[in-house]
Amino acid sequence: MKRKTFLRKALLGTAGAAAAPAVIGAGKSTYDKLREPIGYNHLPNKEEKTMKTVLHRAASRGHANHGWLDSHHTFSFANYYNPERMGFGALRVLNDDIVTGGKGFGTHPHDNMEIISIPMSGALEHKDSMGNSQTIATGDVQVMSAGTGIYHSEFNKSKRDEVRFLQIWMFPNRKNVTPRYDQITLDPADTNTLQQVLSPNQDDAGVWAHQDAWFHMGRLEAGFSTEYKIHKPGNGVYAFVMEGSVKIGDQELAKRDGFGIWNTDAFQVEASQNAQVLLMEVPMEI
């Protein structure tokens, strides 16, 4: 992996004049709006050590088509509300977004949230109130710590082709940190391995976040199998199949299926066919 170098400036006092679309609601902070309705159906049972799982098939996700934006929501988001789908531990938002050519998200605020963007096809143009102006392309992973507050926008870089990307929000383990931005480019030649793309450690592989979380991505050939070991007690893993199909433990998963697993120290990941998978290890209690 080759880490890019970015300009890091103090957070500006004012933001761009573009109108911000409503993301969740208005009035309260990003953290407070998302923290209030958290369900506890996916917390570990401290008395029971048996492995626990939750399965979310692709077709069961929430869906909203706004014309310029076609979005599938693994967890409750905007107008999609399901009390049984309020997140997975510290993982709160997992949106599978398609944005038409030349369109995007106007300047809008966030605070106290770790925001990760992973393009799956095409590229996004990112601008924020820290002075960053960057292109996030397929093969890149971006993280933004909103902290005390930030404004940003993301638009499809192409005027003609769609861009498809994962938008992931995670609760931080510290509030009101200094906002920051980071981005890496993965090596497309790395196959049959789970590349670490995010961790809590600045000096570790991938980007880093204010949370005891580890994300791994892998392009796996059919028949490849490996063991994933949990990094920290009390954490669980939410697996999302980006392409192809995989088997986690005894559970077969198809494209865009999600599968949460916790109360275990390790589990097996096997590619049933050529596949791309994202594993998001997060604390189960926040």
C-alpha atoms as a PDB file:
ATOM      1  CA  MET A   1       0.000   0.000   0.000  1.00  0.00           C
ATOM      2  CA  LYS A   2       1.183   3.502  -0.677  1.00  0.00           C
ATOM      3  CA  ARG A   3      -0.083   6.187   1.672  1.00  0.00           C
ATOM      4  CA  LYS A   4      -1.029   9.491   0.053  1.00  0.00           C
ATOM      5  CA  THR A   5       0.000  12.781   1.606  1.00  0.00           C
ATOM      6  CA  PHE A   6      -2.706  15.298   2.349  1.00  0.00           C
ATOM      7  CA  LEU A   7      -2.916  18.869   3.452  1.00  0.00           C
ATOM      8  CA  ARG A   8      -4.149  19.111   7.009  1.00  0.00           C
ATOM      9  CA  LYS A   9      -5.416  22.526   8.033  1.00  0.00           C
ATOM     10  CA  ALA A  10      -7.297  23.865  11.006  1.00  0.00           C
ATOM     11  CA  LEU A  11     -11.052  23.537  10.690  1.00  0.00           C
ATOM     12  CA  LEU A  12     -12.458  26.643   9.018  1.00  0.00           C
ATOM     13  CA  GLY A  13     -14.993  28.692  10.898  1.00  0.00           C
ATOM     14  CA  THR A  14     -17.381  28.936   7.931  1.00  0.00           C
ATOM     15  CA  ALA A  15     -18.422  26.482   5.241  1.00  0.00           C
ATOM     16  CA  GLY A  16     -19.391  26.653   1.607  1.00  0.00           C
ATOM     17  CA  ALA A  17     -22.672  28.287   0.705  1.00  0.00           C
ATOM     18  CA  ALA A  18     -24.113  25.237  -1.087  1.00  0.00           C
ATOM     19  CA  ALA A  19     -27.311  23.998   0.493  1.00  0.00           C
ATOM     20  CA  ALA A  20     -26.892  20.778   2.434  1.00  0.00           C
ATOM     21  CA  PRO A  21     -29.375  17.975   1.848  1.00  0.00           C
ATOM     22  CA  ALA A  22     -30.964  16.501   4.967  1.00  0.00           C
ATOM     23  CA  VAL A  23     -29.090  13.302   5.777  1.00  0.00           C
ATOM     24  CA  ILE A  24     -30.789  12.066   8.932  1.00  0.00           C
ATOM     25  CA  GLY A  25     -32.685  15.020  10.293  1.00  0.00           C
ATOM     26  CA  ALA A  26     -32.069  18.520  11.553  1.00  0.00           C
ATOM     27  CA  GLY A  27     -31.342  20.245  14.829  1.00  0.00           C
ATOM     28  CA  LYS A  28     -29.138  17.812  16.747  1.00  0.00           C
ATOM     29  CA  SER A  29     -25.589  16.676  16.041  1.00  0.00           C
ATOM     30  CA  THR A  30     -24.818  13.678  13.833  1.00  0.00           C
ATOM     31  CA  TYR A  31     -23.719  11.705  16.889  1.00  0.00           C
ATOM     32  CA  ASP A  32     -26.788  12.510  18.996  1.00  0.00           C
ATOM     33  CA  LYS A  33     -29.285  11.882  16.190  1.00  0.00           C
ATOM     34  CA  LEU A  34     -27.860   8.453  15.520  1.00  0.00           C
ATOM     35  CA  ARG A  35     -27.087   7.521  19.117  1.00  0.00           C
ATOM     36  CA  GLU A  36     -30.628   8.015  20.500  1.00  0.00           C
ATOM     37  CA  PRO A  37     -32.461   5.187  18.672  1.00  0.00           C
ATOM     38  CA  ILE A  38     -29.763   2.541  19.041  1.00  0.00           C
ATOM     39  CA  GLY A  39     -31.203  -0.924  19.516  1.00  0.00           C
ATOM     40  CA  TYR A  40     -29.467  -3.446  21.708  1.00  0.00           C
ATOM     41  CA  ASN A  41     -30.506  -6.585  19.852  1.00  0.00           C
ATOM     42  CA  HIS A  42     -26.909  -7.217  18.735  1.00  0.00           C
ATOM     43  CA  LEU A  43     -25.052  -6.773  22.030  1.00  0.00           C
ATOM     44  CA  PRO A  44     -23.025  -9.703  23.391  1.00  0.00           C
ATOM     45  CA  ASN A  45     -24.543 -11.671  26.243  1.00  0.00           C
ATOM     46  CA  LYS A  46     -21.874 -11.645  28.934  1.00  0.00           C
ATOM     47  CA  GLU A  47     -23.304 -14.784  30.526  1.00  0.00           C
ATOM     48  CA  GLU A  48     -23.441 -16.772  27.279  1.00  0.00           C
ATOM     49  CA  LYS A  49     -20.273 -17.655  25.364  1.00  0.00           C
ATOM     50  CA  THR A  50     -21.986 -19.361  22.427  1.00  0.00           C
ATOM     51  CA  MET A  51     -21.209 -17.741  19.077  1.00  0.00           C
ATOM     52  CA  LYS A  52     -23.986 -15.412  17.913  1.00  0.00           C
ATOM     53  CA  THR A  53     -24.871 -14.372  14.361  1.00  0.00           C
ATOM     54  CA  VAL A  54     -27.315 -12.181  12.472  1.00  0.00           C
ATOM     55  CA  LEU A  55     -28.039 -12.492   8.736  1.00  0.00           C
ATOM     56  CA  HIS A  56     -29.189  -9.644   6.493  1.00  0.00           C
ATOM     57  CA  ARG A  57     -29.915 -10.714   2.933  1.00  0.00           C
ATOM     58  CA  ALA A  58     -29.341  -8.118   0.209  1.00  0.00           C
ATOM     59  CA  ALA A  59     -33.041  -8.036  -0.713  1.00  0.00           C
ATOM     60  CA  SER A  60     -34.012  -7.206   2.890  1.00  0.00           C
ATOM     61  CA  ARG A  61     -32.215  -3.850   2.923  1.00  0.00           C
ATOM     62  CA  GLY A  62     -33.999  -0.523   2.915  1.00  0.00           C
ATOM     63  CA  HIS A  63     -34.151   1.186  -0.490  1.00  0.00           C
ATOM     64  CA  ALA A  64     -34.554   4.783  -1.630  1.00  0.00           C
ATOM     65  CA  ASN A  65     -34.302   6.041  -5.211  1.00  0.00           C
ATOM     66  CA  HIS A  66     -34.043   9.820  -5.470  1.00  0.00           C
ATOM     67  CA  GLY A  67     -33.279   9.848  -9.187  1.00  0.00           C
ATOM     68  CA  TRP A  68     -29.718  11.135  -8.876  1.00  0.00           C
ATOM     69  CA  LEU A  69     -29.104   8.829  -5.884  1.00  0.00           C
ATOM     70  CA  ASP A  70     -30.100   5.168  -5.656  1.00  0.00           C
ATOM     71  CA  SER A  71     -29.295   3.885  -2.170  1.00  0.00           C
ATOM     72  CA  HIS A  72     -29.672   0.607  -0.299  1.00  0.00           C
ATOM     73  CA  HIS A  73     -29.490   0.810   3.499  1.00  0.00           C
ATOM     74  CA  THR A  74     -28.316  -2.183   5.538  1.00  0.00           C
ATOM     75  CA  PHE A  75     -29.314  -0.311   8.702  1.00  0.00           C
ATOM     76  CA  SER A  76     -32.022   2.268   9.459  1.00  0.00           C
ATOM     77  CA  PHE A  77     -31.228   5.529   7.706  1.00  0.00           C
ATOM     78  CA  ALA A  78     -33.186   8.640   6.639  1.00  0.00           C
ATOM     79  CA  ASN A  79     -36.736   7.511   5.799  1.00  0.00           C
ATOM     80  CA  TYR A  80     -35.933   3.810   6.219  1.00  0.00           C
ATOM     81  CA  TYR A  81     -36.610   2.711   9.794  1.00  0.00           C
ATOM     82  CA  ASN A  82     -36.510  -0.826  11.146  1.00  0.00           C
ATOM     83  CA  PRO A  83     -36.145  -1.204  14.930  1.00  0.00           C
ATOM     84  CA  GLU A  84     -34.349  -4.519  14.369  1.00  0.00           C
ATOM     85  CA  ARG A  85     -31.820  -2.842  12.044  1.00  0.00           C
ATOM     86  CA  MET A  86     -30.320  -0.018  14.118  1.00  0.00           C
ATOM     87  CA  GLY A  87     -26.714  -0.974  13.540  1.00  0.00           C
ATOM     88  CA  PHE A  88     -24.196  -3.553  14.651  1.00  0.00           C
ATOM     89  CA  GLY A  89     -22.330  -2.452  17.765  1.00  0.00           C
ATOM     90  CA  ALA A  90     -20.370   0.709  16.914  1.00  0.00           C
ATOM     91  CA  LEU A  91     -21.240   0.285  13.221  1.00  0.00           C
ATOM     92  CA  ARG A  92     -24.251   2.509  12.580  1.00  0.00           C
ATOM     93  CA  VAL A  93     -24.558   3.157   8.821  1.00  0.00           C
ATOM     94  CA  LEU A  94     -23.776   0.942   5.828  1.00  0.00           C
ATOM     95  CA  ASN A  95     -25.147   2.438   2.627  1.00  0.00           C
ATOM     96  CA  ASP A  96     -24.621   1.030  -0.857  1.00  0.00           C
ATOM     97  CA  ASP A  97     -24.939   4.165  -3.024  1.00  0.00           C
ATOM     98  CA  ILE A  98     -25.143   4.810  -6.769  1.00  0.00           C
ATOM     99  CA  VAL A  99     -24.804   8.446  -7.865  1.00  0.00           C
ATOM    100  CA  THR A 100     -25.533   9.497 -11.457  1.00  0.00           C
ATOM    101  CA  GLY A 101     -23.043  11.459 -13.552  1.00  0.00           C
ATOM    102  CA  GLY A 102     -22.353  14.996 -12.374  1.00  0.00           C
ATOM    103  CA  LYS A 103     -24.505  14.689  -9.247  1.00  0.00           C
ATOM    104  CA  GLY A 104     -23.671  14.316  -5.589  1.00  0.00           C
ATOM    105  CA  PHE A 105     -24.025  15.387  -1.992  1.00  0.00           C
ATOM    106  CA  GLY A 106     -23.864  19.163  -1.482  1.00  0.00           C
ATOM    107  CA  THR A 107     -21.972  20.748   1.394  1.00  0.00           C
ATOM    108  CA  HIS A 108     -23.366  19.483   4.693  1.00  0.00           C
ATOM    109  CA  PRO A 109     -22.166  19.106   8.308  1.00  0.00           C
ATOM    110  CA  HIS A 110     -21.170  16.168  10.508  1.00  0.00           C
ATOM    111  CA  ASP A 111     -19.743  15.866  13.994  1.00  0.00           C
ATOM    112  CA  ASN A 112     -18.513  13.070  16.273  1.00  0.00           C
ATOM    113  CA  MET A 113     -18.675  10.320  13.677  1.00  0.00           C
ATOM    114  CA  GLU A 114     -16.045   8.231  11.862  1.00  0.00           C
ATOM    115  CA  ILE A 115     -17.022   8.243   8.169  1.00  0.00           C
ATOM    116  CA  ILE A 116     -15.489   5.786   5.707  1.00  0.00           C
ATOM    117  CA  SER A 117     -16.024   5.837   1.931  1.00  0.00           C
ATOM    118  CA  ILE A 118     -15.047   2.941  -0.347  1.00  0.00           C
ATOM    119  CA  PRO A 119     -15.685   3.396  -4.110  1.00  0.00           C
ATOM    120  CA  MET A 120     -16.534   0.163  -5.925  1.00  0.00           C
ATOM    121  CA  SER A 121     -16.687   1.715  -9.416  1.00  0.00           C
ATOM    122  CA  GLY A 122     -16.007   5.216 -10.643  1.00  0.00           C
ATOM    123  CA  ALA A 123     -14.646   8.094  -8.574  1.00  0.00           C
ATOM    124  CA  LEU A 124     -15.837  10.790  -6.164  1.00  0.00           C
ATOM    125  CA  GLU A 125     -14.674  14.384  -5.786  1.00  0.00           C
ATOM    126  CA  HIS A 126     -14.333  15.298  -2.106  1.00  0.00           C
ATOM    127  CA  LYS A 127     -14.044  18.804  -0.637  1.00  0.00           C
ATOM    128  CA  ASP A 128     -14.176  19.767   3.016  1.00  0.00           C
ATOM    129  CA  SER A 129     -13.791  22.668   5.413  1.00  0.00           C
ATOM    130  CA  MET A 130     -10.283  21.505   6.406  1.00  0.00           C
ATOM    131  CA  GLY A 131      -9.072  22.486   2.950  1.00  0.00           C
ATOM    132  CA  ASN A 132      -8.925  18.993   1.469  1.00  0.00           C
ATOM    133  CA  SER A 133      -9.875  18.623  -2.188  1.00  0.00           C
ATOM    134  CA  GLN A 134      -9.297  15.065  -3.336  1.00  0.00           C
ATOM    135  CA  THR A 135     -10.446  12.380  -5.749  1.00  0.00           C
ATOM    136  CA  ILE A 136     -11.504   9.074  -4.201  1.00  0.00           C
ATOM    137  CA  ALA A 137     -11.309   6.387  -6.885  1.00  0.00           C
ATOM    138  CA  THR A 138     -11.952   2.657  -7.101  1.00  0.00           C
ATOM    139  CA  GLY A 139      -9.274   0.974  -4.998  1.00  0.00           C
ATOM    140  CA  ASP A 140      -9.118   3.847  -2.500  1.00  0.00           C
ATOM    141  CA  VAL A 141     -10.322   3.892   1.104  1.00  0.00           C
ATOM    142  CA  GLN A 142     -11.109   7.237   2.731  1.00  0.00           C
ATOM    143  CA  VAL A 143     -11.719   8.034   6.388  1.00  0.00           C
ATOM    144  CA  MET A 144     -12.892  11.290   7.910  1.00  0.00           C
ATOM    145  CA  SER A 145     -13.092  11.921  11.653  1.00  0.00           C
ATOM    146  CA  ALA A 146     -15.834  14.542  12.000  1.00  0.00           C
ATOM    147  CA  GLY A 147     -14.971  15.282  15.637  1.00  0.00           C
ATOM    148  CA  THR A 148     -15.863  18.799  16.764  1.00  0.00           C
ATOM    149  CA  GLY A 149     -17.493  19.501  13.414  1.00  0.00           C
ATOM    150  CA  ILE A 150     -16.813  19.511   9.706  1.00  0.00           C
ATOM    151  CA  TYR A 151     -18.515  20.429   6.424  1.00  0.00           C
ATOM    152  CA  HIS A 152     -17.930  18.409   3.279  1.00  0.00           C
ATOM    153  CA  SER A 153     -19.321  17.585  -0.153  1.00  0.00           C
ATOM    154  CA  GLU A 154     -18.951  14.567  -2.435  1.00  0.00           C
ATOM    155  CA  PHE A 155     -19.815  14.561  -6.130  1.00  0.00           C
ATOM    156  CA  ASN A 156     -19.486  12.060  -8.945  1.00  0.00           C
ATOM    157  CA  LYS A 157     -16.288  13.026 -10.758  1.00  0.00           C
ATOM    158  CA  SER A 158     -17.716  11.827 -14.071  1.00  0.00           C
ATOM    159  CA  LYS A 159     -20.390  13.843 -15.863  1.00  0.00           C
ATOM    160  CA  ARG A 160     -21.559  10.714 -17.700  1.00  0.00           C
ATOM    161  CA  ASP A 161     -20.893   7.493 -15.782  1.00  0.00           C
ATOM    162  CA  GLU A 162     -22.330   6.359 -12.455  1.00  0.00           C
ATOM    163  CA  VAL A 163     -20.198   6.037  -9.337  1.00  0.00           C
ATOM    164  CA  ARG A 164     -20.948   3.293  -6.842  1.00  0.00           C
ATOM    165  CA  PHE A 165     -19.533   3.385  -3.324  1.00  0.00           C
ATOM    166  CA  LEU A 166     -20.043   2.219   0.238  1.00  0.00           C
ATOM    167  CA  GLN A 167     -20.756   4.912   2.803  1.00  0.00           C
ATOM    168  CA  ILE A 168     -19.985   3.680   6.328  1.00  0.00           C
ATOM    169  CA  TRP A 169     -20.522   5.539   9.591  1.00  0.00           C
ATOM    170  CA  MET A 170     -19.093   4.362  12.899  1.00  0.00           C
ATOM    171  CA  PHE A 171     -19.463   5.810  16.382  1.00  0.00           C
ATOM    172  CA  PRO A 172     -16.095   7.032  17.745  1.00  0.00           C
ATOM    173  CA  ASN A 173     -14.609   6.041  21.092  1.00  0.00           C
ATOM    174  CA  ARG A 174     -13.802   9.705  21.797  1.00  0.00           C
ATOM    175  CA  LYS A 175     -16.018  12.720  21.222  1.00  0.00           C
ATOM    176  CA  ASN A 176     -14.972  16.198  20.106  1.00  0.00           C
ATOM    177  CA  VAL A 177     -11.608  15.252  18.626  1.00  0.00           C
ATOM    178  CA  THR A 178      -9.866  17.479  16.097  1.00  0.00           C
ATOM    179  CA  PRO A 179     -11.360  16.747  12.648  1.00  0.00           C
ATOM    180  CA  ARG A 180      -9.040  14.868  10.310  1.00  0.00           C
ATOM    181  CA  TYR A 181      -8.913  13.274   6.861  1.00  0.00           C
ATOM    182  CA  ASP A 182      -6.919  10.366   5.482  1.00  0.00           C
ATOM    183  CA  GLN A 183      -6.904   8.180   2.394  1.00  0.00           C
ATOM    184  CA  ILE A 184      -5.006   5.198   1.011  1.00  0.00           C
ATOM    185  CA  THR A 185      -4.785   3.366  -2.300  1.00  0.00           C
ATOM    186  CA  LEU A 186      -4.805  -0.421  -2.179  1.00  0.00           C
ATOM    187  CA  ASP A 187      -2.611  -2.626  -4.345  1.00  0.00           C
ATOM    188  CA  PRO A 188      -4.941  -4.305  -6.881  1.00  0.00           C
ATOM    189  CA  ALA A 189      -2.444  -7.163  -7.248  1.00  0.00           C
ATOM    190  CA  ASP A 190      -3.070  -8.307  -3.674  1.00  0.00           C
ATOM    191  CA  THR A 191      -5.371 -11.330  -3.941  1.00  0.00           C
ATOM    192  CA  ASN A 192      -6.196 -14.227  -1.641  1.00  0.00           C
ATOM    193  CA  THR A 193      -5.426 -12.171   1.433  1.00  0.00           C
ATOM    194  CA  LEU A 194      -7.450 -10.041   3.817  1.00  0.00           C
ATOM    195  CA  GLN A 195      -5.790  -6.634   3.605  1.00  0.00           C
ATOM    196  CA  GLN A 196      -6.101  -4.464   6.681  1.00  0.00           C
ATOM    197  CA  VAL A 197      -7.539  -1.158   5.498  1.00  0.00           C
ATOM    198  CA  LEU A 198      -8.436   0.457   8.851  1.00  0.00           C
ATOM    199  CA  SER A 199      -7.301   0.139  12.463  1.00  0.00           C
ATOM    200  CA  PRO A 200      -7.087   2.217  15.671  1.00  0.00           C
ATOM    201  CA  ASN A 201      -3.328   2.674  15.213  1.00  0.00           C
ATOM    202  CA  GLN A 202      -1.742   5.528  13.259  1.00  0.00           C
ATOM    203  CA  ASP A 203       1.373   3.497  12.457  1.00  0.00           C
ATOM    204  CA  ASP A 204      -0.469   0.347  11.385  1.00  0.00           C
ATOM    205  CA  ALA A 205      -1.505  -0.683   7.869  1.00  0.00           C
ATOM    206  CA  GLY A 206      -4.348   1.262   6.286  1.00  0.00           C
ATOM    207  CA  VAL A 207      -6.112   4.385   7.516  1.00  0.00           C
ATOM    208  CA  TRP A 208      -6.856   4.840  11.218  1.00  0.00           C
ATOM    209  CA  ALA A 209      -9.966   5.824  13.154  1.00  0.00           C
ATOM    210  CA  HIS A 210     -10.982   6.877  16.651  1.00  0.00           C
ATOM    211  CA  GLN A 211     -12.433   3.470  17.490  1.00  0.00           C
ATOM    212  CA  ASP A 212     -11.164   0.007  18.476  1.00  0.00           C
ATOM    213  CA  ALA A 213     -12.093  -1.216  14.996  1.00  0.00           C
ATOM    214  CA  TRP A 214     -10.282  -3.162  12.307  1.00  0.00           C
ATOM    215  CA  PHE A 215     -11.513  -3.349   8.686  1.00  0.00           C
ATOM    216  CA  HIS A 216     -10.179  -5.891   6.200  1.00  0.00           C
ATOM    217  CA  MET A 217     -10.912  -6.248   2.488  1.00  0.00           C
ATOM    218  CA  GLY A 218     -10.074  -9.186   0.276  1.00  0.00           C
ATOM    219  CA  ARG A 219     -10.275 -10.206  -3.375  1.00  0.00           C
ATOM    220  CA  LEU A 220     -10.535 -13.959  -3.047  1.00  0.00           C
ATOM    221  CA  GLU A 221     -10.383 -16.679  -5.673  1.00  0.00           C
ATOM    222  CA  ALA A 222     -12.879 -19.532  -5.597  1.00  0.00           C
ATOM    223  CA  GLY A 223     -11.840 -22.160  -3.066  1.00  0.00           C
ATOM    224  CA  PHE A 224      -9.536 -19.891  -1.068  1.00  0.00           C
ATOM    225  CA  SER A 225     -10.014 -20.207   2.688  1.00  0.00           C
ATOM    226  CA  THR A 226      -8.539 -18.381   5.655  1.00  0.00           C
ATOM    227  CA  GLU A 227      -9.173 -17.866   9.352  1.00  0.00           C
ATOM    228  CA  TYR A 228     -10.072 -14.460  10.754  1.00  0.00           C
ATOM    229  CA  LYS A 229      -9.099 -13.845  14.384  1.00  0.00           C
ATOM    230  CA  ILE A 230     -10.862 -11.212  16.491  1.00  0.00           C
ATOM    231  CA  HIS A 231      -8.422  -8.484  17.544  1.00  0.00           C
ATOM    232  CA  LYS A 232     -10.064  -7.449  20.811  1.00  0.00           C
ATOM    233  CA  PRO A 233     -12.387  -9.219  23.280  1.00  0.00           C
ATOM    234  CA  GLY A 234     -15.925  -7.849  23.083  1.00  0.00           C
ATOM    235  CA  ASN A 235     -15.662  -7.069  19.383  1.00  0.00           C
ATOM    236  CA  GLY A 236     -17.801  -8.579  16.649  1.00  0.00           C
ATOM    237  CA  VAL A 237     -17.435  -8.636  12.862  1.00  0.00           C
ATOM    238  CA  TYR A 238     -19.946  -7.531  10.256  1.00  0.00           C
ATOM    239  CA  ALA A 239     -19.153  -9.062   6.868  1.00  0.00           C
ATOM    240  CA  PHE A 240     -20.429  -7.483   3.661  1.00  0.00           C
ATOM    241  CA  VAL A 241     -20.091  -9.312   0.346  1.00  0.00           C
ATOM    242  CA  MET A 242     -19.172  -6.755  -2.306  1.00  0.00           C
ATOM    243  CA  GLU A 243     -18.959  -9.255  -5.168  1.00  0.00           C
ATOM    244  CA  GLY A 244     -19.348 -12.997  -5.678  1.00  0.00           C
ATOM    245  CA  SER A 245     -20.183 -15.327  -2.821  1.00  0.00           C
ATOM    246  CA  VAL A 246     -18.423 -16.449   0.342  1.00  0.00           C
ATOM    247  CA  LYS A 247     -18.991 -18.824   3.211  1.00  0.00           C
ATOM    248  CA  ILE A 248     -18.424 -17.618   6.772  1.00  0.00           C
ATOM    249  CA  GLY A 249     -18.507 -20.471   9.192  1.00  0.00           C
ATOM    250  CA  ASP A 250     -21.455 -22.528   7.933  1.00  0.00           C
ATOM    251  CA  GLN A 251     -23.307 -19.570   6.412  1.00  0.00           C
ATOM    252  CA  GLU A 252     -23.367 -19.098   2.638  1.00  0.00           C
ATOM    253  CA  LEU A 253     -23.499 -15.449   1.589  1.00  0.00           C
ATOM    254  CA  ALA A 254     -24.241 -13.955  -1.827  1.00  0.00           C
ATOM    255  CA  LYS A 255     -23.481 -10.559  -3.358  1.00  0.00           C
ATOM    256  CA  ARG A 256     -24.489  -7.646  -1.065  1.00  0.00           C
ATOM    257  CA  ASP A 257     -25.520  -9.952   1.797  1.00  0.00           C
ATOM    258  CA  GLY A 258     -24.483  -8.886   5.293  1.00  0.00           C
ATOM    259  CA  PHE A 259     -23.623 -11.186   8.181  1.00  0.00           C
ATOM    260  CA  GLY A 260     -22.778 -10.264  11.764  1.00  0.00           C
ATOM    261  CA  ILE A 261     -20.867 -12.612  14.055  1.00  0.00           C
ATOM    262  CA  TRP A 262     -19.858 -12.155  17.696  1.00  0.00           C
ATOM    263  CA  ASN A 263     -19.133 -14.060  20.924  1.00  0.00           C
ATOM    264  CA  THR A 264     -16.318 -15.901  19.172  1.00  0.00           C
ATOM    265  CA  ASP A 265     -12.531 -15.621  18.954  1.00  0.00           C
ATOM    266  CA  ALA A 266     -12.197 -16.614  15.299  1.00  0.00           C
ATOM    267  CA  PHE A 267     -14.087 -17.887  12.262  1.00  0.00           C
ATOM    268  CA  GLN A 268     -13.399 -19.289   8.813  1.00  0.00           C
ATOM    269  CA  VAL A 269     -13.841 -17.325   5.571  1.00  0.00           C
ATOM    270  CA  GLU A 270     -14.055 -19.286   2.322  1.00  0.00           C
ATOM    271  CA  ALA A 271     -14.700 -18.021  -1.220  1.00  0.00           C
ATOM    272  CA  SER A 272     -17.449 -20.127  -2.824  1.00  0.00           C
ATOM    273  CA  GLN A 273     -16.669 -18.327  -6.099  1.00  0.00           C
ATOM    274  CA  ASN A 274     -14.409 -15.420  -7.003  1.00  0.00           C
ATOM    275  CA  ALA A 275     -15.402 -12.789  -4.475  1.00  0.00           C
ATOM    276  CA  GLN A 276     -14.654  -9.487  -2.816  1.00  0.00           C
ATOM    277  CA  VAL A 277     -15.536  -9.160   0.858  1.00  0.00           C
ATOM    278  CA  LEU A 278     -15.322  -6.442   3.508  1.00  0.00           C
ATOM    279  CA  LEU A 279     -14.951  -7.454   7.175  1.00  0.00           C
ATOM    280  CA  MET A 280     -15.712  -4.721   9.719  1.00  0.00           C
ATOM    281  CA  GLU A 281     -14.642  -5.582  13.266  1.00  0.00           C
ATOM    282  CA  VAL A 282     -16.164  -3.205  15.810  1.00  0.00           C
ATOM    283  CA  PRO A 283     -16.898  -3.061  19.547  1.00  0.00           C
ATOM    284  CA  MET A 284     -20.321  -4.516  20.313  1.00  0.00           C
ATOM    285  CA  GLU A 285     -20.894  -2.068  23.161  1.00  0.00           C
ATOM    286  CA  ILE A 286     -20.724   1.710  22.725  1.00  0.00           C
END
